[in-house]
Amino acid sequence: MNILKTSYYLALACLALQFILLGIGSFDRPDIVINSAYDVFIGVLWTLIKGIPWLVLVPGLIMKSKNIMAWMSYVCLVYFIIWILAAFGAQNSTLASIGVIVTLVQFVASNTYTRLIKRQ
């Protein structure tokens, strides 16, 4: 039972880290200059748009649905591809390399939770 809780909370922590990384990636570019609150608003809005697949999962995560972690695994696969493309792109982003690691940890945690909860 302890592994079940650990994997659930680890997957949630990685979900929060995904949003933090998406937010940092929205503002950490050489061509972006922040001059006003409007620029910050646009950056936050852009982060939320990039995070729509994660936001769709939030109601199920709050209700601790059995199937939502399986869906989180599928979303992790999509973001894994996105982070890999960014990590090995022309800029060799360190932020994207961290995103790859966070996504892998999240994928393993969500799969572990799904496997253990289905056995019960």
N, C-alpha and C. Protein backbone atom coordinates (compact mmCIF):
# COMPACT_ATOMS: atom_id res chain seq x y z
N MET A 1 0.82 -1.20 0.00
CA MET A 1 0.00 0.00 0.00
C MET A 1 0.86 1.26 0.00
N ASN A 2 2.02 1.18 0.62
CA ASN A 2 2.92 2.33 0.68
C ASN A 2 3.45 2.68 -0.71
N ILE A 3 3.74 1.67 -1.51
CA ILE A 3 4.23 1.91 -2.87
C ILE A 3 3.14 2.58 -3.71
N LEU A 4 1.90 2.20 -3.45
CA LEU A 4 0.77 2.79 -4.17
C LEU A 4 0.68 4.29 -3.92
N LYS A 5 0.76 4.70 -2.66
CA LYS A 5 0.70 6.13 -2.32
C LYS A 5 1.92 6.86 -2.86
N THR A 6 3.09 6.25 -2.72
CA THR A 6 4.32 6.88 -3.19
C THR A 6 4.27 7.13 -4.69
N SER A 7 3.83 6.14 -5.45
CA SER A 7 3.77 6.31 -6.90
C SER A 7 2.73 7.35 -7.29
N TYR A 8 1.61 7.42 -6.57
CA TYR A 8 0.58 8.41 -6.86
C TYR A 8 1.11 9.82 -6.63
N TYR A 9 1.72 10.04 -5.47
CA TYR A 9 2.21 11.39 -5.15
C TYR A 9 3.44 11.76 -5.98
N LEU A 10 4.23 10.78 -6.37
CA LEU A 10 5.37 11.06 -7.25
C LEU A 10 4.87 11.48 -8.64
N ALA A 11 3.83 10.83 -9.13
CA ALA A 11 3.26 11.21 -10.42
C ALA A 11 2.66 12.61 -10.35
N LEU A 12 2.02 12.95 -9.23
CA LEU A 12 1.47 14.30 -9.07
C LEU A 12 2.57 15.35 -8.99
N ALA A 13 3.66 15.02 -8.29
CA ALA A 13 4.79 15.96 -8.19
C ALA A 13 5.41 16.18 -9.56
N CYS A 14 5.53 15.13 -10.34
CA CYS A 14 6.07 15.27 -11.69
C CYS A 14 5.13 16.07 -12.59
N LEU A 15 3.83 15.94 -12.36
CA LEU A 15 2.86 16.75 -13.11
C LEU A 15 3.08 18.23 -12.81
N ALA A 16 3.29 18.57 -11.55
CA ALA A 16 3.57 19.96 -11.19
C ALA A 16 4.89 20.42 -11.81
N LEU A 17 5.89 19.55 -11.80
CA LEU A 17 7.18 19.90 -12.42
C LEU A 17 7.04 20.10 -13.92
N GLN A 18 6.17 19.34 -14.56
CA GLN A 18 5.93 19.52 -16.00
C GLN A 18 5.43 20.94 -16.27
N PHE A 19 4.49 21.42 -15.45
CA PHE A 19 3.98 22.78 -15.64
C PHE A 19 5.06 23.82 -15.36
N ILE A 20 5.88 23.58 -14.36
CA ILE A 20 6.97 24.51 -14.07
C ILE A 20 7.94 24.56 -15.25
N LEU A 21 8.29 23.41 -15.79
CA LEU A 21 9.20 23.37 -16.93
C LEU A 21 8.58 24.02 -18.17
N LEU A 22 7.30 23.78 -18.39
CA LEU A 22 6.63 24.44 -19.53
C LEU A 22 6.61 25.95 -19.35
N GLY A 23 6.39 26.41 -18.11
CA GLY A 23 6.39 27.85 -17.84
C GLY A 23 7.76 28.46 -18.03
N ILE A 24 8.79 27.79 -17.53
CA ILE A 24 10.15 28.30 -17.71
C ILE A 24 10.50 28.32 -19.19
N GLY A 25 10.10 27.28 -19.91
CA GLY A 25 10.37 27.23 -21.34
C GLY A 25 9.65 28.31 -22.12
N SER A 26 8.52 28.76 -21.61
CA SER A 26 7.79 29.84 -22.29
C SER A 26 8.49 31.18 -22.16
N PHE A 27 9.20 31.38 -21.04
CA PHE A 27 9.84 32.67 -20.79
C PHE A 27 11.35 32.66 -21.04
N ASP A 28 11.97 31.49 -21.10
CA ASP A 28 13.42 31.39 -21.20
C ASP A 28 13.85 31.22 -22.65
N ARG A 29 13.67 32.27 -23.41
CA ARG A 29 14.10 32.27 -24.80
C ARG A 29 14.77 33.61 -25.08
N PRO A 30 15.78 33.61 -25.94
CA PRO A 30 16.49 34.87 -26.19
C PRO A 30 15.67 35.90 -26.97
N ASP A 31 14.65 35.45 -27.70
CA ASP A 31 13.87 36.39 -28.50
C ASP A 31 12.70 37.00 -27.74
N ILE A 32 12.51 36.64 -26.48
CA ILE A 32 11.39 37.17 -25.69
C ILE A 32 11.90 38.23 -24.73
N VAL A 33 11.26 39.38 -24.78
CA VAL A 33 11.56 40.48 -23.86
C VAL A 33 10.26 40.80 -23.12
N ILE A 34 10.32 40.79 -21.79
CA ILE A 34 9.13 41.07 -20.98
C ILE A 34 9.17 42.53 -20.57
N ASN A 35 8.22 43.31 -21.10
CA ASN A 35 8.16 44.74 -20.81
C ASN A 35 6.98 45.13 -19.93
N SER A 36 5.97 44.27 -19.86
CA SER A 36 4.77 44.66 -19.11
C SER A 36 4.08 43.42 -18.55
N ALA A 37 3.03 43.67 -17.78
CA ALA A 37 2.23 42.58 -17.23
C ALA A 37 1.51 41.83 -18.35
N TYR A 38 1.25 42.50 -19.44
CA TYR A 38 0.61 41.86 -20.59
C TYR A 38 1.50 40.74 -21.14
N ASP A 39 2.80 40.99 -21.22
CA ASP A 39 3.73 39.97 -21.69
C ASP A 39 3.75 38.76 -20.76
N VAL A 40 3.68 39.01 -19.46
CA VAL A 40 3.63 37.91 -18.50
C VAL A 40 2.33 37.13 -18.66
N PHE A 41 1.22 37.85 -18.85
CA PHE A 41 -0.08 37.20 -19.05
C PHE A 41 -0.06 36.31 -20.29
N ILE A 42 0.51 36.80 -21.36
CA ILE A 42 0.59 36.01 -22.59
C ILE A 42 1.46 34.77 -22.37
N GLY A 43 2.55 34.91 -21.63
CA GLY A 43 3.41 33.76 -21.33
C GLY A 43 2.70 32.70 -20.50
N VAL A 44 1.95 33.14 -19.50
CA VAL A 44 1.19 32.20 -18.66
C VAL A 44 0.08 31.55 -19.48
N LEU A 45 -0.58 32.32 -20.32
CA LEU A 45 -1.62 31.77 -21.19
C LEU A 45 -1.03 30.74 -22.15
N TRP A 46 0.13 31.03 -22.69
CA TRP A 46 0.80 30.10 -23.60
C TRP A 46 1.19 28.81 -22.87
N THR A 47 1.61 28.94 -21.62
CA THR A 47 1.94 27.76 -20.82
C THR A 47 0.70 26.91 -20.59
N LEU A 48 -0.43 27.54 -20.29
CA LEU A 48 -1.67 26.80 -20.09
C LEU A 48 -2.13 26.11 -21.38
N ILE A 49 -1.92 26.76 -22.51
CA ILE A 49 -2.29 26.13 -23.78
C ILE A 49 -1.41 24.91 -24.04
N LYS A 50 -0.11 25.04 -23.76
CA LYS A 50 0.78 23.89 -23.95
C LYS A 50 0.47 22.77 -22.97
N GLY A 51 -0.13 23.10 -21.84
CA GLY A 51 -0.43 22.11 -20.82
C GLY A 51 -1.86 21.58 -20.83
N ILE A 52 -2.61 21.83 -21.90
CA ILE A 52 -4.00 21.37 -21.97
C ILE A 52 -4.13 19.86 -21.76
N PRO A 53 -3.28 19.03 -22.36
CA PRO A 53 -3.42 17.59 -22.09
C PRO A 53 -3.28 17.23 -20.61
N TRP A 54 -2.44 17.97 -19.89
CA TRP A 54 -2.32 17.71 -18.44
C TRP A 54 -3.54 18.22 -17.71
N LEU A 55 -4.08 19.36 -18.13
CA LEU A 55 -5.23 19.95 -17.44
C LEU A 55 -6.48 19.09 -17.57
N VAL A 56 -6.59 18.35 -18.66
CA VAL A 56 -7.74 17.46 -18.86
C VAL A 56 -7.75 16.36 -17.80
N LEU A 57 -6.57 15.98 -17.32
CA LEU A 57 -6.46 14.89 -16.34
C LEU A 57 -6.77 15.32 -14.91
N VAL A 58 -6.76 16.61 -14.63
CA VAL A 58 -6.86 17.09 -13.24
C VAL A 58 -8.14 16.64 -12.53
N PRO A 59 -9.35 16.71 -13.13
CA PRO A 59 -10.53 16.24 -12.40
C PRO A 59 -10.44 14.76 -11.99
N GLY A 60 -9.92 13.93 -12.86
CA GLY A 60 -9.76 12.51 -12.53
C GLY A 60 -8.71 12.28 -11.47
N LEU A 61 -7.67 13.11 -11.46
CA LEU A 61 -6.64 12.99 -10.42
C LEU A 61 -7.19 13.40 -9.06
N ILE A 62 -8.05 14.39 -9.04
CA ILE A 62 -8.66 14.81 -7.78
C ILE A 62 -9.57 13.71 -7.23
N MET A 63 -10.31 13.05 -8.12
CA MET A 63 -11.22 11.98 -7.68
C MET A 63 -10.50 10.65 -7.50
N LYS A 64 -9.21 10.59 -7.84
CA LYS A 64 -8.39 9.37 -7.76
C LYS A 64 -9.03 8.23 -8.56
N SER A 65 -9.37 8.53 -9.79
CA SER A 65 -9.94 7.53 -10.68
C SER A 65 -8.90 6.47 -11.01
N LYS A 66 -9.35 5.23 -11.15
CA LYS A 66 -8.42 4.14 -11.45
C LYS A 66 -7.82 4.27 -12.84
N ASN A 67 -8.59 4.77 -13.77
CA ASN A 67 -8.13 4.80 -15.16
C ASN A 67 -7.35 6.06 -15.52
N ILE A 68 -7.39 7.07 -14.69
CA ILE A 68 -6.77 8.35 -15.07
C ILE A 68 -5.25 8.24 -15.13
N MET A 69 -4.67 7.41 -14.27
CA MET A 69 -3.21 7.25 -14.31
C MET A 69 -2.78 6.51 -15.57
N ALA A 70 -3.62 5.63 -16.08
CA ALA A 70 -3.31 4.98 -17.36
C ALA A 70 -3.31 6.02 -18.47
N TRP A 71 -4.27 6.94 -18.42
CA TRP A 71 -4.30 8.01 -19.41
C TRP A 71 -3.10 8.94 -19.25
N MET A 72 -2.66 9.13 -18.00
CA MET A 72 -1.48 9.96 -17.78
C MET A 72 -0.26 9.33 -18.44
N SER A 73 -0.19 8.01 -18.45
CA SER A 73 0.92 7.33 -19.12
C SER A 73 0.94 7.65 -20.61
N TYR A 74 -0.24 7.67 -21.22
CA TYR A 74 -0.32 7.99 -22.65
C TYR A 74 0.09 9.44 -22.92
N VAL A 75 -0.33 10.33 -22.06
CA VAL A 75 0.06 11.74 -22.22
C VAL A 75 1.57 11.89 -22.02
N CYS A 76 2.13 11.11 -21.10
CA CYS A 76 3.58 11.14 -20.89
C CYS A 76 4.34 10.76 -22.16
N LEU A 77 3.81 9.82 -22.91
CA LEU A 77 4.47 9.42 -24.15
C LEU A 77 4.54 10.57 -25.14
N VAL A 78 3.46 11.34 -25.22
CA VAL A 78 3.44 12.49 -26.13
C VAL A 78 4.46 13.53 -25.69
N TYR A 79 4.47 13.85 -24.39
CA TYR A 79 5.41 14.85 -23.90
C TYR A 79 6.85 14.35 -23.93
N PHE A 80 7.04 13.04 -23.83
CA PHE A 80 8.39 12.49 -23.97
C PHE A 80 8.94 12.79 -25.35
N ILE A 81 8.12 12.61 -26.36
CA ILE A 81 8.54 12.92 -27.73
C ILE A 81 8.86 14.41 -27.88
N ILE A 82 8.00 15.26 -27.31
CA ILE A 82 8.22 16.71 -27.40
C ILE A 82 9.53 17.10 -26.72
N TRP A 83 9.76 16.58 -25.51
CA TRP A 83 10.99 16.92 -24.78
C TRP A 83 12.23 16.36 -25.47
N ILE A 84 12.13 15.16 -26.04
CA ILE A 84 13.28 14.59 -26.77
C ILE A 84 13.62 15.44 -27.98
N LEU A 85 12.62 15.86 -28.73
CA LEU A 85 12.88 16.71 -29.89
C LEU A 85 13.52 18.03 -29.48
N ALA A 86 13.09 18.58 -28.35
CA ALA A 86 13.68 19.83 -27.88
C ALA A 86 15.09 19.61 -27.33
N ALA A 87 15.32 18.48 -26.68
CA ALA A 87 16.63 18.21 -26.08
C ALA A 87 17.71 17.99 -27.14
N PHE A 88 17.34 17.32 -28.21
CA PHE A 88 18.33 17.02 -29.24
C PHE A 88 18.18 17.90 -30.47
N GLY A 89 17.48 19.02 -30.31
CA GLY A 89 17.31 19.97 -31.40
C GLY A 89 18.57 20.79 -31.61
N ALA A 90 18.42 21.86 -32.34
CA ALA A 90 19.56 22.71 -32.69
C ALA A 90 20.15 23.42 -31.48
N GLN A 91 19.33 23.66 -30.44
CA GLN A 91 19.80 24.43 -29.29
C GLN A 91 20.37 23.56 -28.17
N ASN A 92 20.14 22.24 -28.19
CA ASN A 92 20.59 21.33 -27.12
C ASN A 92 20.19 21.86 -25.75
N SER A 93 18.92 21.97 -25.51
CA SER A 93 18.37 22.59 -24.31
C SER A 93 18.55 21.71 -23.08
N THR A 94 19.14 22.29 -22.04
CA THR A 94 19.26 21.60 -20.76
C THR A 94 17.90 21.46 -20.11
N LEU A 95 17.06 22.45 -20.28
CA LEU A 95 15.70 22.41 -19.74
C LEU A 95 14.92 21.22 -20.32
N ALA A 96 15.08 20.98 -21.59
CA ALA A 96 14.40 19.85 -22.23
C ALA A 96 14.96 18.52 -21.73
N SER A 97 16.25 18.47 -21.43
CA SER A 97 16.83 17.24 -20.87
C SER A 97 16.24 16.94 -19.50
N ILE A 98 16.03 17.97 -18.71
CA ILE A 98 15.36 17.80 -17.42
C ILE A 98 13.92 17.34 -17.64
N GLY A 99 13.27 17.89 -18.66
CA GLY A 99 11.91 17.48 -19.01
C GLY A 99 11.82 16.01 -19.38
N VAL A 100 12.83 15.50 -20.07
CA VAL A 100 12.86 14.08 -20.43
C VAL A 100 12.91 13.23 -19.17
N ILE A 101 13.78 13.60 -18.23
CA ILE A 101 13.92 12.83 -16.99
C ILE A 101 12.63 12.88 -16.17
N VAL A 102 12.04 14.07 -16.04
CA VAL A 102 10.79 14.21 -15.28
C VAL A 102 9.69 13.38 -15.92
N THR A 103 9.62 13.38 -17.24
CA THR A 103 8.59 12.62 -17.93
C THR A 103 8.78 11.12 -17.75
N LEU A 104 10.03 10.67 -17.77
CA LEU A 104 10.29 9.25 -17.54
C LEU A 104 9.89 8.83 -16.13
N VAL A 105 10.22 9.65 -15.14
CA VAL A 105 9.85 9.34 -13.76
C VAL A 105 8.33 9.33 -13.62
N GLN A 106 7.68 10.29 -14.24
CA GLN A 106 6.22 10.36 -14.18
C GLN A 106 5.58 9.15 -14.86
N PHE A 107 6.13 8.73 -15.97
CA PHE A 107 5.62 7.57 -16.70
C PHE A 107 5.72 6.31 -15.85
N VAL A 108 6.88 6.10 -15.24
CA VAL A 108 7.08 4.92 -14.39
C VAL A 108 6.16 4.97 -13.18
N ALA A 109 6.03 6.13 -12.56
CA ALA A 109 5.16 6.26 -11.38
C ALA A 109 3.70 6.01 -11.73
N SER A 110 3.24 6.56 -12.84
CA SER A 110 1.84 6.36 -13.21
C SER A 110 1.57 4.91 -13.62
N ASN A 111 2.53 4.28 -14.28
CA ASN A 111 2.37 2.87 -14.62
C ASN A 111 2.37 1.99 -13.38
N THR A 112 3.24 2.30 -12.43
CA THR A 112 3.28 1.53 -11.18
C THR A 112 1.96 1.66 -10.44
N TYR A 113 1.45 2.87 -10.34
CA TYR A 113 0.16 3.09 -9.67
C TYR A 113 -0.95 2.33 -10.38
N THR A 114 -0.99 2.41 -11.70
CA THR A 114 -2.04 1.72 -12.46
C THR A 114 -1.96 0.21 -12.25
N ARG A 115 -0.77 -0.32 -12.28
CA ARG A 115 -0.60 -1.76 -12.11
C ARG A 115 -1.04 -2.21 -10.72
N LEU A 116 -0.65 -1.46 -9.70
CA LEU A 116 -0.99 -1.85 -8.33
C LEU A 116 -2.46 -1.65 -8.01
N ILE A 117 -3.07 -0.60 -8.52
CA ILE A 117 -4.48 -0.34 -8.22
C ILE A 117 -5.39 -1.34 -8.95
N LYS A 118 -4.96 -1.83 -10.10
CA LYS A 118 -5.77 -2.80 -10.84
C LYS A 118 -5.73 -4.17 -10.16
N ARG A 119 -4.68 -4.46 -9.39
CA ARG A 119 -4.58 -5.73 -8.67
C ARG A 119 -5.53 -5.79 -7.48
N GLN A 120 -5.90 -4.64 -6.96
CA GLN A 120 -6.76 -4.62 -5.76
C GLN A 120 -8.20 -4.92 -6.08
